[in-house]
PDB file of N, CA and C in Angstrom:
ATOM      1  N   MET A   1      57.027 -55.540 -93.953  1.00  0.00           N
ATOM      2  CA  MET A   1      55.904 -54.692 -94.187  1.00  0.00           C
ATOM      3  C   MET A   1      55.465 -54.034 -92.934  1.00  0.00           C
ATOM      4  N   SER A   2      55.003 -52.792 -92.990  1.00  0.00           N
ATOM      5  CA  SER A   2      54.538 -52.167 -91.749  1.00  0.00           C
ATOM      6  C   SER A   2      53.032 -52.394 -91.663  1.00  0.00           C
ATOM      7  N   ILE A   3      52.538 -52.233 -90.532  1.00  0.00           N
ATOM      8  CA  ILE A   3      51.134 -52.307 -90.193  1.00  0.00           C
ATOM      9  C   ILE A   3      50.724 -51.074 -89.551  1.00  0.00           C
ATOM     10  N   GLU A   4      49.696 -50.318 -90.153  1.00  0.00           N
ATOM     11  CA  GLU A   4      49.156 -49.142 -89.626  1.00  0.00           C
ATOM     12  C   GLU A   4      47.803 -49.340 -89.030  1.00  0.00           C
ATOM     13  N   ARG A   5      47.521 -49.026 -87.782  1.00  0.00           N
ATOM     14  CA  ARG A   5      46.270 -49.269 -87.180  1.00  0.00           C
ATOM     15  C   ARG A   5      45.566 -47.799 -86.928  1.00  0.00           C
ATOM     16  N   LEU A   6      44.439 -47.663 -87.455  1.00  0.00           N
ATOM     17  CA  LEU A   6      43.749 -46.409 -87.182  1.00  0.00           C
ATOM     18  C   LEU A   6      42.572 -46.630 -86.194  1.00  0.00           C
ATOM     19  N   HIS A   7      42.522 -45.714 -85.361  1.00  0.00           N
ATOM     20  CA  HIS A   7      41.478 -45.708 -84.239  1.00  0.00           C
ATOM     21  C   HIS A   7      41.470 -46.864 -83.388  1.00  0.00           C
ATOM     22  N   LYS A   8      42.678 -47.080 -82.866  1.00  0.00           N
ATOM     23  CA  LYS A   8      42.939 -48.393 -82.117  1.00  0.00           C
ATOM     24  C   LYS A   8      42.127 -48.256 -80.716  1.00  0.00           C
ATOM     25  N   GLY A   9      41.677 -49.433 -80.350  1.00  0.00           N
ATOM     26  CA  GLY A   9      40.996 -49.520 -79.060  1.00  0.00           C
ATOM     27  C   GLY A   9      41.578 -50.750 -78.393  1.00  0.00           C
ATOM     28  N   PRO A  10      41.071 -51.064 -77.061  1.00  0.00           N
ATOM     29  CA  PRO A  10      41.664 -52.184 -76.445  1.00  0.00           C
ATOM     30  C   PRO A  10      41.281 -53.515 -76.968  1.00  0.00           C
ATOM     31  N   ARG A  11      40.104 -53.473 -77.888  1.00  0.00           N
ATOM     32  CA  ARG A  11      39.621 -54.705 -78.345  1.00  0.00           C
ATOM     33  C   ARG A  11      39.949 -54.783 -79.868  1.00  0.00           C
ATOM     34  N   MET A  12      39.873 -53.614 -80.559  1.00  0.00           N
ATOM     35  CA  MET A  12      40.031 -53.647 -82.070  1.00  0.00           C
ATOM     36  C   MET A  12      40.281 -52.302 -82.572  1.00  0.00           C
ATOM     37  N   SER A  13      40.779 -52.312 -83.921  1.00  0.00           N
ATOM     38  CA  SER A  13      41.030 -51.002 -84.628  1.00  0.00           C
ATOM     39  C   SER A  13      40.068 -50.976 -85.535  1.00  0.00           C
ATOM     40  N   GLN A  14      39.609 -49.694 -85.995  1.00  0.00           N
ATOM     41  CA  GLN A  14      38.580 -49.492 -86.856  1.00  0.00           C
ATOM     42  C   GLN A  14      39.091 -49.722 -88.317  1.00  0.00           C
ATOM     43  N   ALA A  15      40.416 -49.517 -88.593  1.00  0.00           N
ATOM     44  CA  ALA A  15      40.953 -49.788 -89.824  1.00  0.00           C
ATOM     45  C   ALA A  15      42.422 -50.268 -89.722  1.00  0.00           C
ATOM     46  N   VAL A  16      42.816 -51.108 -90.587  1.00  0.00           N
ATOM     47  CA  VAL A  16      44.283 -51.491 -90.568  1.00  0.00           C
ATOM     48  C   VAL A  16      44.789 -51.484 -92.034  1.00  0.00           C
ATOM     49  N   LYS A  17      45.883 -50.930 -92.051  1.00  0.00           N
ATOM     50  CA  LYS A  17      46.638 -50.850 -93.507  1.00  0.00           C
ATOM     51  C   LYS A  17      47.759 -51.776 -93.446  1.00  0.00           C
ATOM     52  N   HIS A  18      47.915 -52.654 -94.388  1.00  0.00           N
ATOM     53  CA  HIS A  18      48.948 -53.568 -94.554  1.00  0.00           C
ATOM     54  C   HIS A  18      49.168 -53.960 -95.977  1.00  0.00           C
ATOM     55  N   GLY A  19      50.470 -53.811 -96.452  1.00  0.00           N
ATOM     56  CA  GLY A  19      50.718 -54.349 -97.764  1.00  0.00           C
ATOM     57  C   GLY A  19      49.832 -53.735 -98.855  1.00  0.00           C
ATOM     58  N   GLY A  20      49.534 -52.488 -98.896  1.00  0.00           N
ATOM     59  CA  GLY A  20      48.655 -51.983 -99.939  1.00  0.00           C
ATOM     60  C   GLY A  20      47.209 -52.221 -99.888  1.00  0.00           C
ATOM     61  N   THR A  21      46.824 -52.695 -98.656  1.00  0.00           N
ATOM     62  CA  THR A  21      45.442 -53.143 -98.499  1.00  0.00           C
ATOM     63  C   THR A  21      44.925 -52.507 -97.221  1.00  0.00           C
ATOM     64  N   VAL A  22      43.663 -52.046 -97.208  1.00  0.00           N
ATOM     65  CA  VAL A  22      42.967 -51.461 -96.047  1.00  0.00           C
ATOM     66  C   VAL A  22      41.900 -52.274 -95.573  1.00  0.00           C
ATOM     67  N   TYR A  23      41.815 -52.727 -94.424  1.00  0.00           N
ATOM     68  CA  TYR A  23      40.849 -53.574 -93.832  1.00  0.00           C
ATOM     69  C   TYR A  23      39.960 -52.757 -92.844  1.00  0.00           C
ATOM     70  N   LEU A  24      38.663 -52.640 -93.201  1.00  0.00           N
ATOM     71  CA  LEU A  24      37.792 -51.806 -92.054  1.00  0.00           C
ATOM     72  C   LEU A  24      37.070 -52.854 -91.245  1.00  0.00           C
ATOM     73  N   ALA A  25      37.018 -52.447 -89.954  1.00  0.00           N
ATOM     74  CA  ALA A  25      36.060 -53.332 -89.074  1.00  0.00           C
ATOM     75  C   ALA A  25      34.609 -53.163 -89.403  1.00  0.00           C
ATOM     76  N   GLY A  26      33.914 -54.066 -89.019  1.00  0.00           N
ATOM     77  CA  GLY A  26      32.434 -53.939 -89.299  1.00  0.00           C
ATOM     78  C   GLY A  26      31.921 -52.611 -88.662  1.00  0.00           C
ATOM     79  N   GLN A  27      31.331 -51.829 -89.570  1.00  0.00           N
ATOM     80  CA  GLN A  27      30.841 -50.616 -89.128  1.00  0.00           C
ATOM     81  C   GLN A  27      29.184 -50.588 -88.800  1.00  0.00           C
ATOM     82  N   VAL A  28      28.802 -49.951 -87.814  1.00  0.00           N
ATOM     83  CA  VAL A  28      27.339 -49.800 -87.424  1.00  0.00           C
ATOM     84  C   VAL A  28      27.128 -48.344 -87.375  1.00  0.00           C
ATOM     85  N   ALA A  29      25.613 -48.127 -87.388  1.00  0.00           N
ATOM     86  CA  ALA A  29      25.352 -46.765 -87.460  1.00  0.00           C
ATOM     87  C   ALA A  29      25.191 -46.075 -86.077  1.00  0.00           C
ATOM     88  N   LEU A  30      26.356 -45.701 -85.619  1.00  0.00           N
ATOM     89  CA  LEU A  30      26.334 -44.911 -84.290  1.00  0.00           C
ATOM     90  C   LEU A  30      25.661 -43.783 -84.233  1.00  0.00           C
ATOM     91  N   ASP A  31      25.458 -43.018 -85.429  1.00  0.00           N
ATOM     92  CA  ASP A  31      24.782 -41.781 -85.417  1.00  0.00           C
ATOM     93  C   ASP A  31      23.301 -41.999 -85.935  1.00  0.00           C
ATOM     94  N   ALA A  32      22.750 -43.157 -86.219  1.00  0.00           N
ATOM     95  CA  ALA A  32      21.477 -43.435 -86.640  1.00  0.00           C
ATOM     96  C   ALA A  32      20.883 -44.625 -85.802  1.00  0.00           C
ATOM     97  N   LYS A  33      21.461 -44.997 -84.650  1.00  0.00           N
ATOM     98  CA  LYS A  33      21.084 -46.041 -83.850  1.00  0.00           C
ATOM     99  C   LYS A  33      19.561 -46.074 -83.707  1.00  0.00           C
ATOM    100  N   GLY A  34      19.003 -47.196 -84.006  1.00  0.00           N
ATOM    101  CA  GLY A  34      17.594 -47.389 -83.912  1.00  0.00           C
ATOM    102  C   GLY A  34      16.755 -46.857 -85.061  1.00  0.00           C
ATOM    103  N   GLY A  35      17.427 -46.162 -86.073  1.00  0.00           N
ATOM    104  CA  GLY A  35      16.737 -45.748 -87.327  1.00  0.00           C
ATOM    105  C   GLY A  35      16.413 -46.787 -88.199  1.00  0.00           C
ATOM    106  N   SER A  36      15.945 -46.370 -89.381  1.00  0.00           N
ATOM    107  CA  SER A  36      15.399 -47.425 -90.431  1.00  0.00           C
ATOM    108  C   SER A  36      16.707 -48.014 -90.982  1.00  0.00           C
ATOM    109  N   ALA A  37      16.584 -49.139 -91.600  1.00  0.00           N
ATOM    110  CA  ALA A  37      17.742 -49.690 -92.317  1.00  0.00           C
ATOM    111  C   ALA A  37      18.359 -48.723 -93.326  1.00  0.00           C
ATOM    112  N   ALA A  38      17.531 -48.023 -94.057  1.00  0.00           N
ATOM    113  CA  ALA A  38      18.203 -46.985 -94.996  1.00  0.00           C
ATOM    114  C   ALA A  38      18.879 -46.006 -94.282  1.00  0.00           C
ATOM    115  N   ASP A  39      18.378 -45.390 -93.107  1.00  0.00           N
ATOM    116  CA  ASP A  39      19.191 -44.475 -92.398  1.00  0.00           C
ATOM    117  C   ASP A  39      20.488 -45.022 -91.871  1.00  0.00           C
ATOM    118  N   GLN A  40      20.335 -46.240 -91.357  1.00  0.00           N
ATOM    119  CA  GLN A  40      21.561 -46.876 -90.719  1.00  0.00           C
ATOM    120  C   GLN A  40      22.585 -47.158 -91.904  1.00  0.00           C
ATOM    121  N   THR A  41      22.047 -47.549 -93.037  1.00  0.00           N
ATOM    122  CA  THR A  41      22.957 -47.856 -94.247  1.00  0.00           C
ATOM    123  C   THR A  41      23.760 -46.425 -94.597  1.00  0.00           C
ATOM    124  N   ARG A  42      22.993 -45.469 -94.693  1.00  0.00           N
ATOM    125  CA  ARG A  42      23.545 -44.206 -95.134  1.00  0.00           C
ATOM    126  C   ARG A  42      24.604 -43.787 -94.028  1.00  0.00           C
ATOM    127  N   ASN A  43      24.352 -43.923 -92.853  1.00  0.00           N
ATOM    128  CA  ASN A  43      25.264 -43.492 -91.839  1.00  0.00           C
ATOM    129  C   ASN A  43      26.541 -44.294 -91.882  1.00  0.00           C
ATOM    130  N   ILE A  44      26.430 -45.656 -92.038  1.00  0.00           N
ATOM    131  CA  ILE A  44      27.457 -46.604 -92.149  1.00  0.00           C
ATOM    132  C   ILE A  44      28.408 -46.153 -93.235  1.00  0.00           C
ATOM    133  N   LEU A  45      27.665 -45.967 -94.371  1.00  0.00           N
ATOM    134  CA  LEU A  45      28.499 -45.751 -95.677  1.00  0.00           C
ATOM    135  C   LEU A  45      29.258 -44.414 -95.462  1.00  0.00           C
ATOM    136  N   ASP A  46      28.706 -43.418 -94.778  1.00  0.00           N
ATOM    137  CA  ASP A  46      29.474 -42.156 -94.477  1.00  0.00           C
ATOM    138  C   ASP A  46      30.580 -42.471 -93.557  1.00  0.00           C
ATOM    139  N   ARG A  47      30.521 -43.303 -92.633  1.00  0.00           N
ATOM    140  CA  ARG A  47      31.628 -43.758 -91.762  1.00  0.00           C
ATOM    141  C   ARG A  47      32.738 -44.498 -92.612  1.00  0.00           C
ATOM    142  N   ILE A  48      32.182 -45.260 -93.563  1.00  0.00           N
ATOM    143  CA  ILE A  48      33.176 -46.015 -94.398  1.00  0.00           C
ATOM    144  C   ILE A  48      34.033 -44.995 -95.308  1.00  0.00           C
ATOM    145  N   ASP A  49      33.281 -44.028 -95.920  1.00  0.00           N
ATOM    146  CA  ASP A  49      33.935 -43.077 -96.714  1.00  0.00           C
ATOM    147  C   ASP A  49      34.975 -42.365 -95.871  1.00  0.00           C
ATOM    148  N   ALA A  50      34.653 -41.950 -94.615  1.00  0.00           N
ATOM    149  CA  ALA A  50      35.489 -41.243 -93.834  1.00  0.00           C
ATOM    150  C   ALA A  50      36.866 -42.173 -93.489  1.00  0.00           C
ATOM    151  N   LEU A  51      36.627 -43.335 -93.055  1.00  0.00           N
ATOM    152  CA  LEU A  51      37.686 -44.236 -92.800  1.00  0.00           C
ATOM    153  C   LEU A  51      38.553 -44.390 -93.888  1.00  0.00           C
ATOM    154  N   LEU A  52      37.943 -44.713 -95.098  1.00  0.00           N
ATOM    155  CA  LEU A  52      38.773 -44.900 -96.264  1.00  0.00           C
ATOM    156  C   LEU A  52      39.613 -43.673 -96.660  1.00  0.00           C
ATOM    157  N   ALA A  53      39.072 -42.611 -96.540  1.00  0.00           N
ATOM    158  CA  ALA A  53      39.738 -41.348 -96.905  1.00  0.00           C
ATOM    159  C   ALA A  53      40.986 -41.224 -96.016  1.00  0.00           C
ATOM    160  N   GLU A  54      40.731 -41.370 -94.565  1.00  0.00           N
ATOM    161  CA  GLU A  54      41.778 -41.344 -93.598  1.00  0.00           C
ATOM    162  C   GLU A  54      42.947 -42.342 -93.876  1.00  0.00           C
ATOM    163  N   ALA A  55      42.604 -43.378 -94.389  1.00  0.00           N
ATOM    164  CA  ALA A  55      43.536 -44.492 -94.895  1.00  0.00           C
ATOM    165  C   ALA A  55      44.207 -44.201 -96.218  1.00  0.00           C
ATOM    166  N   GLY A  56      43.645 -43.068 -96.919  1.00  0.00           N
ATOM    167  CA  GLY A  56      44.342 -42.749 -98.201  1.00  0.00           C
ATOM    168  C   GLY A  56      43.729 -43.398 -99.346  1.00  0.00           C
ATOM    169  N   THR A  57      42.460 -43.926 -99.340  1.00  0.00           N
ATOM    170  CA  THR A  57      41.753 -44.618-100.355  1.00  0.00           C
ATOM    171  C   THR A  57      40.370 -44.075-100.510  1.00  0.00           C
ATOM    172  N   ASP A  58      39.563 -44.887-101.320  1.00  0.00           N
ATOM    173  CA  ASP A  58      38.139 -44.433-101.377  1.00  0.00           C
ATOM    174  C   ASP A  58      37.285 -45.688-102.026  1.00  0.00           C
ATOM    175  N   LYS A  59      36.137 -45.489-102.027  1.00  0.00           N
ATOM    176  CA  LYS A  59      35.228 -46.572-102.599  1.00  0.00           C
ATOM    177  C   LYS A  59      35.503 -47.138-103.836  1.00  0.00           C
ATOM    178  N   SER A  60      36.016 -46.433-104.707  1.00  0.00           N
ATOM    179  CA  SER A  60      36.429 -46.893-106.110  1.00  0.00           C
ATOM    180  C   SER A  60      37.428 -47.963-105.977  1.00  0.00           C
ATOM    181  N   LYS A  61      38.204 -48.088-104.972  1.00  0.00           N
ATOM    182  CA  LYS A  61      39.144 -49.180-104.741  1.00  0.00           C
ATOM    183  C   LYS A  61      38.698 -50.251-103.956  1.00  0.00           C
ATOM    184  N   LEU A  62      37.373 -50.338-103.569  1.00  0.00           N
ATOM    185  CA  LEU A  62      36.813 -51.537-102.865  1.00  0.00           C
ATOM    186  C   LEU A  62      37.185 -52.828-103.395  1.00  0.00           C
ATOM    187  N   ILE A  63      37.537 -53.891-102.678  1.00  0.00           N
ATOM    188  CA  ILE A  63      37.836 -55.169-103.252  1.00  0.00           C
ATOM    189  C   ILE A  63      36.689 -56.113-102.839  1.00  0.00           C
ATOM    190  N   SER A  64      36.212 -55.928-101.539  1.00  0.00           N
ATOM    191  CA  SER A  64      35.260 -56.836-100.881  1.00  0.00           C
ATOM    192  C   SER A  64      34.333 -56.146 -99.901  1.00  0.00           C
ATOM    193  N   ALA A  65      33.106 -56.542 -99.871  1.00  0.00           N
ATOM    194  CA  ALA A  65      32.209 -55.990 -98.798  1.00  0.00           C
ATOM    195  C   ALA A  65      31.366 -57.162 -98.182  1.00  0.00           C
ATOM    196  N   THR A  66      31.161 -57.149 -96.894  1.00  0.00           N
ATOM    197  CA  THR A  66      30.368 -58.173 -96.227  1.00  0.00           C
ATOM    198  C   THR A  66      29.122 -57.242 -95.519  1.00  0.00           C
ATOM    199  N   ILE A  67      28.051 -57.613 -95.663  1.00  0.00           N
ATOM    200  CA  ILE A  67      26.858 -56.978 -95.115  1.00  0.00           C
ATOM    201  C   ILE A  67      26.084 -57.874 -94.268  1.00  0.00           C
ATOM    202  N   TRP A  68      25.860 -57.515 -93.003  1.00  0.00           N
ATOM    203  CA  TRP A  68      25.014 -58.350 -92.059  1.00  0.00           C
ATOM    204  C   TRP A  68      23.657 -57.522 -91.890  1.00  0.00           C
ATOM    205  N   LEU A  69      22.627 -58.211 -92.079  1.00  0.00           N
ATOM    206  CA  LEU A  69      21.215 -57.646 -91.844  1.00  0.00           C
ATOM    207  C   LEU A  69      20.551 -58.328 -90.662  1.00  0.00           C
ATOM    208  N   ALA A  70      20.061 -57.655 -89.680  1.00  0.00           N
ATOM    209  CA  ALA A  70      19.268 -58.251 -88.535  1.00  0.00           C
ATOM    210  C   ALA A  70      17.990 -58.998 -89.084  1.00  0.00           C
ATOM    211  N   ASP A  71      17.569 -58.629 -90.257  1.00  0.00           N
ATOM    212  CA  ASP A  71      16.381 -59.224 -90.878  1.00  0.00           C
ATOM    213  C   ASP A  71      16.565 -59.086 -92.425  1.00  0.00           C
ATOM    214  N   ILE A  72      16.623 -60.189 -93.182  1.00  0.00           N
ATOM    215  CA  ILE A  72      16.792 -60.142 -94.498  1.00  0.00           C
ATOM    216  C   ILE A  72      15.699 -59.460 -95.154  1.00  0.00           C
ATOM    217  N   ALA A  73      14.554 -59.205 -94.651  1.00  0.00           N
ATOM    218  CA  ALA A  73      13.573 -58.436 -95.227  1.00  0.00           C
ATOM    219  C   ALA A  73      13.967 -56.952 -95.433  1.00  0.00           C
ATOM    220  N   LEU A  74      15.055 -56.635 -94.791  1.00  0.00           N
ATOM    221  CA  LEU A  74      15.607 -55.215 -94.898  1.00  0.00           C
ATOM    222  C   LEU A  74      16.420 -55.100 -96.223  1.00  0.00           C
ATOM    223  N   PHE A  75      16.711 -56.215 -96.922  1.00  0.00           N
ATOM    224  CA  PHE A  75      17.623 -56.239 -98.095  1.00  0.00           C
ATOM    225  C   PHE A  75      17.268 -55.092 -99.086  1.00  0.00           C
ATOM    226  N   ASN A  76      16.065 -54.963 -99.533  1.00  0.00           N
ATOM    227  CA  ASN A  76      15.852 -53.997-100.517  1.00  0.00           C
ATOM    228  C   ASN A  76      16.130 -52.477 -99.997  1.00  0.00           C
ATOM    229  N   GLN A  77      15.676 -52.296 -98.790  1.00  0.00           N
ATOM    230  CA  GLN A  77      15.931 -51.055 -98.178  1.00  0.00           C
ATOM    231  C   GLN A  77      17.385 -50.567 -98.073  1.00  0.00           C
ATOM    232  N   MET A  78      18.186 -51.629 -97.540  1.00  0.00           N
ATOM    233  CA  MET A  78      19.628 -51.362 -97.627  1.00  0.00           C
ATOM    234  C   MET A  78      20.223 -51.194 -98.990  1.00  0.00           C
ATOM    235  N   ASN A  79      19.750 -52.051 -99.939  1.00  0.00           N
ATOM    236  CA  ASN A  79      20.297 -52.007-101.366  1.00  0.00           C
ATOM    237  C   ASN A  79      20.002 -50.697-101.993  1.00  0.00           C
ATOM    238  N   GLU A  80      18.890 -50.014-101.701  1.00  0.00           N
ATOM    239  CA  GLU A  80      18.605 -48.747-102.354  1.00  0.00           C
ATOM    240  C   GLU A  80      19.647 -47.766-102.031  1.00  0.00           C
ATOM    241  N   ILE A  81      20.036 -47.695-100.739  1.00  0.00           N
ATOM    242  CA  ILE A  81      21.117 -46.814-100.405  1.00  0.00           C
ATOM    243  C   ILE A  81      22.474 -47.199-100.839  1.00  0.00           C
ATOM    244  N   TRP A  82      22.788 -48.488-100.795  1.00  0.00           N
ATOM    245  CA  TRP A  82      24.094 -49.076-101.310  1.00  0.00           C
ATOM    246  C   TRP A  82      24.252 -48.782-102.779  1.00  0.00           C
ATOM    247  N   ASP A  83      23.194 -49.147-103.542  1.00  0.00           N
ATOM    248  CA  ASP A  83      23.246 -48.895-105.055  1.00  0.00           C
ATOM    249  C   ASP A  83      23.486 -47.495-105.495  1.00  0.00           C
ATOM    250  N   ALA A  84      22.981 -46.460-104.625  1.00  0.00           N
ATOM    251  CA  ALA A  84      23.219 -45.139-104.968  1.00  0.00           C
ATOM    252  C   ALA A  84      24.606 -44.696-104.569  1.00  0.00           C
ATOM    253  N   TRP A  85      25.136 -45.411-103.584  1.00  0.00           N
ATOM    254  CA  TRP A  85      26.565 -44.953-103.130  1.00  0.00           C
ATOM    255  C   TRP A  85      27.657 -45.649-103.873  1.00  0.00           C
ATOM    256  N   ILE A  86      27.608 -46.907-104.269  1.00  0.00           N
ATOM    257  CA  ILE A  86      28.601 -47.612-104.872  1.00  0.00           C
ATOM    258  C   ILE A  86      29.162 -47.143-106.206  1.00  0.00           C
ATOM    259  N   ASP A  87      30.387 -47.138-106.331  1.00  0.00           N
ATOM    260  CA  ASP A  87      30.911 -46.686-107.678  1.00  0.00           C
ATOM    261  C   ASP A  87      30.548 -47.821-108.690  1.00  0.00           C
ATOM    262  N   PRO A  88      29.713 -47.593-109.623  1.00  0.00           N
ATOM    263  CA  PRO A  88      29.075 -48.664-110.597  1.00  0.00           C
ATOM    264  C   PRO A  88      30.304 -49.129-111.529  1.00  0.00           C
ATOM    265  N   GLN A  89      31.344 -48.391-111.761  1.00  0.00           N
ATOM    266  CA  GLN A  89      32.356 -48.906-112.529  1.00  0.00           C
ATOM    267  C   GLN A  89      33.337 -49.704-111.740  1.00  0.00           C
ATOM    268  N   ASN A  90      33.320 -49.708-110.414  1.00  0.00           N
ATOM    269  CA  ASN A  90      34.213 -50.540-109.667  1.00  0.00           C
ATOM    270  C   ASN A  90      33.549 -51.190-108.456  1.00  0.00           C
ATOM    271  N   PRO A  91      32.508 -52.031-108.727  1.00  0.00           N
ATOM    272  CA  PRO A  91      31.885 -52.624-107.681  1.00  0.00           C
ATOM    273  C   PRO A  91      32.715 -53.834-107.087  1.00  0.00           C
ATOM    274  N   PRO A  92      32.647 -53.954-105.664  1.00  0.00           N
ATOM    275  CA  PRO A  92      33.419 -54.993-105.096  1.00  0.00           C
ATOM    276  C   PRO A  92      32.823 -56.358-105.038  1.00  0.00           C
ATOM    277  N   THR A  93      33.349 -57.352-104.618  1.00  0.00           N
ATOM    278  CA  THR A  93      32.639 -58.532-104.436  1.00  0.00           C
ATOM    279  C   THR A  93      31.811 -58.248-103.212  1.00  0.00           C
ATOM    280  N   ARG A  94      30.713 -58.957-103.000  1.00  0.00           N
ATOM    281  CA  ARG A  94      29.941 -58.789-101.854  1.00  0.00           C
ATOM    282  C   ARG A  94      29.123 -59.959-101.360  1.00  0.00           C
ATOM    283  N   ALA A  95      29.048 -60.056-100.077  1.00  0.00           N
ATOM    284  CA  ALA A  95      28.163 -61.082 -99.375  1.00  0.00           C
ATOM    285  C   ALA A  95      27.213 -60.331 -98.525  1.00  0.00           C
ATOM    286  N   CYS A  96      25.957 -60.747 -98.336  1.00  0.00           N
ATOM    287  CA  CYS A  96      25.009 -60.319 -97.535  1.00  0.00           C
ATOM    288  C   CYS A  96      24.174 -61.347 -96.878  1.00  0.00           C
ATOM    289  N   VAL A  97      24.209 -61.359 -95.548  1.00  0.00           N
ATOM    290  CA  VAL A  97      23.614 -62.458 -94.897  1.00  0.00           C
ATOM    291  C   VAL A  97      22.686 -61.918 -93.737  1.00  0.00           C
ATOM    292  N   GLU A  98      21.770 -62.570 -93.241  1.00  0.00           N
ATOM    293  CA  GLU A  98      20.934 -62.379 -92.055  1.00  0.00           C
ATOM    294  C   GLU A  98      21.614 -62.877 -90.836  1.00  0.00           C
ATOM    295  N   SER A  99      21.727 -61.969 -89.830  1.00  0.00           N
ATOM    296  CA  SER A  99      22.477 -62.425 -88.752  1.00  0.00           C
ATOM    297  C   SER A  99      21.955 -61.650 -87.500  1.00  0.00           C
ATOM    298  N   LYS A 100      22.064 -62.154 -86.342  1.00  0.00           N
ATOM    299  CA  LYS A 100      21.798 -61.322 -85.095  1.00  0.00           C
ATOM    300  C   LYS A 100      22.985 -60.403 -84.872  1.00  0.00           C
ATOM    301  N   LEU A 101      22.703 -59.135 -84.782  1.00  0.00           N
ATOM    302  CA  LEU A 101      23.839 -58.240 -84.488  1.00  0.00           C
ATOM    303  C   LEU A 101      24.011 -57.863 -83.069  1.00  0.00           C
ATOM    304  N   ALA A 102      25.095 -57.184 -82.707  1.00  0.00           N
ATOM    305  CA  ALA A 102      25.557 -57.127 -81.276  1.00  0.00           C
ATOM    306  C   ALA A 102      24.515 -56.384 -80.395  1.00  0.00           C
ATOM    307  N   ALA A 103      23.688 -55.530 -80.936  1.00  0.00           N
ATOM    308  CA  ALA A 103      22.599 -54.678 -80.129  1.00  0.00           C
ATOM    309  C   ALA A 103      21.418 -54.714 -81.035  1.00  0.00           C
ATOM    310  N   PRO A 104      20.212 -54.704 -80.397  1.00  0.00           N
ATOM    311  CA  PRO A 104      19.012 -54.690 -81.102  1.00  0.00           C
ATOM    312  C   PRO A 104      18.751 -53.395 -81.858  1.00  0.00           C
ATOM    313  N   ASP A 105      19.373 -52.236 -81.448  1.00  0.00           N
ATOM    314  CA  ASP A 105      19.234 -50.930 -82.166  1.00  0.00           C
ATOM    315  C   ASP A 105      19.954 -50.961 -83.492  1.00  0.00           C
ATOM    316  N   PHE A 106      20.772 -51.907 -83.686  1.00  0.00           N
ATOM    317  CA  PHE A 106      21.515 -51.996 -84.981  1.00  0.00           C
ATOM    318  C   PHE A 106      20.836 -53.029 -85.959  1.00  0.00           C
ATOM    319  N   THR A 107      20.558 -52.711 -87.135  1.00  0.00           N
ATOM    320  CA  THR A 107      19.875 -53.608 -88.104  1.00  0.00           C
ATOM    321  C   THR A 107      20.785 -53.787 -89.272  1.00  0.00           C
ATOM    322  N   VAL A 108      21.934 -53.189 -89.372  1.00  0.00           N
ATOM    323  CA  VAL A 108      22.835 -53.261 -90.440  1.00  0.00           C
ATOM    324  C   VAL A 108      24.296 -53.208 -89.986  1.00  0.00           C
ATOM    325  N   GLU A 109      25.119 -54.001 -90.447  1.00  0.00           N
ATOM    326  CA  GLU A 109      26.525 -53.842 -90.276  1.00  0.00           C
ATOM    327  C   GLU A 109      27.284 -54.141 -91.559  1.00  0.00           C
ATOM    328  N   ILE A 110      28.309 -53.331 -91.798  1.00  0.00           N
ATOM    329  CA  ILE A 110      29.035 -53.530 -93.100  1.00  0.00           C
ATOM    330  C   ILE A 110      30.623 -53.513 -92.809  1.00  0.00           C
ATOM    331  N   ALA A 111      31.313 -54.387 -93.457  1.00  0.00           N
ATOM    332  CA  ALA A 111      32.726 -54.376 -93.263  1.00  0.00           C
ATOM    333  C   ALA A 111      33.263 -54.400 -94.726  1.00  0.00           C
ATOM    334  N   VAL A 112      34.408 -53.728 -95.049  1.00  0.00           N
ATOM    335  CA  VAL A 112      34.946 -53.675 -96.310  1.00  0.00           C
ATOM    336  C   VAL A 112      36.416 -53.835 -96.343  1.00  0.00           C
ATOM    337  N   ILE A 113      36.964 -54.216 -97.597  1.00  0.00           N
ATOM    338  CA  ILE A 113      38.441 -54.263 -97.787  1.00  0.00           C
ATOM    339  C   ILE A 113      38.667 -53.488 -99.045  1.00  0.00           C
ATOM    340  N   ALA A 114      39.658 -52.677 -99.005  1.00  0.00           N
ATOM    341  CA  ALA A 114      39.958 -51.853-100.160  1.00  0.00           C
ATOM    342  C   ALA A 114      41.481 -51.897-100.535  1.00  0.00           C
ATOM    343  N   ALA A 115      41.760 -51.590-101.795  1.00  0.00           N
ATOM    344  CA  ALA A 115      43.309 -51.364-102.079  1.00  0.00           C
ATOM    345  C   ALA A 115      43.608 -49.922-101.581  1.00  0.00           C
ATOM    346  N   ALA A 116      44.770 -49.849-101.159  1.00  0.00           N
ATOM    347  CA  ALA A 116      45.393 -48.524-100.680  1.00  0.00           C
ATOM    348  C   ALA A 116      45.639 -47.526-101.769  1.00  0.00           C
TER     349      ALA A 116
END
């Protein structure tokens, strides 16, 4: 089976396609750095939509999502945006945890796995 890597860098790829599955790296809000959790979530989901489309799939084919919040008190703010975005007929499995993120300007990080 072939492996296709999208947006490769020296440390990681933003997406990897293998065996009918697309794995996305954890996405942060590069265009909403320092913004509210809602703004960051919205930016991240836009990035996820774009990467999934580039890989030939979309959010209706999500299998799993992992969400990291710098402060679990942001849970409702993030969920408001997530719930409006997610395909309600095809919700993925999901985990959401509080965790210290790579930079203090980021309060939300999301990684997903989808069928191709």
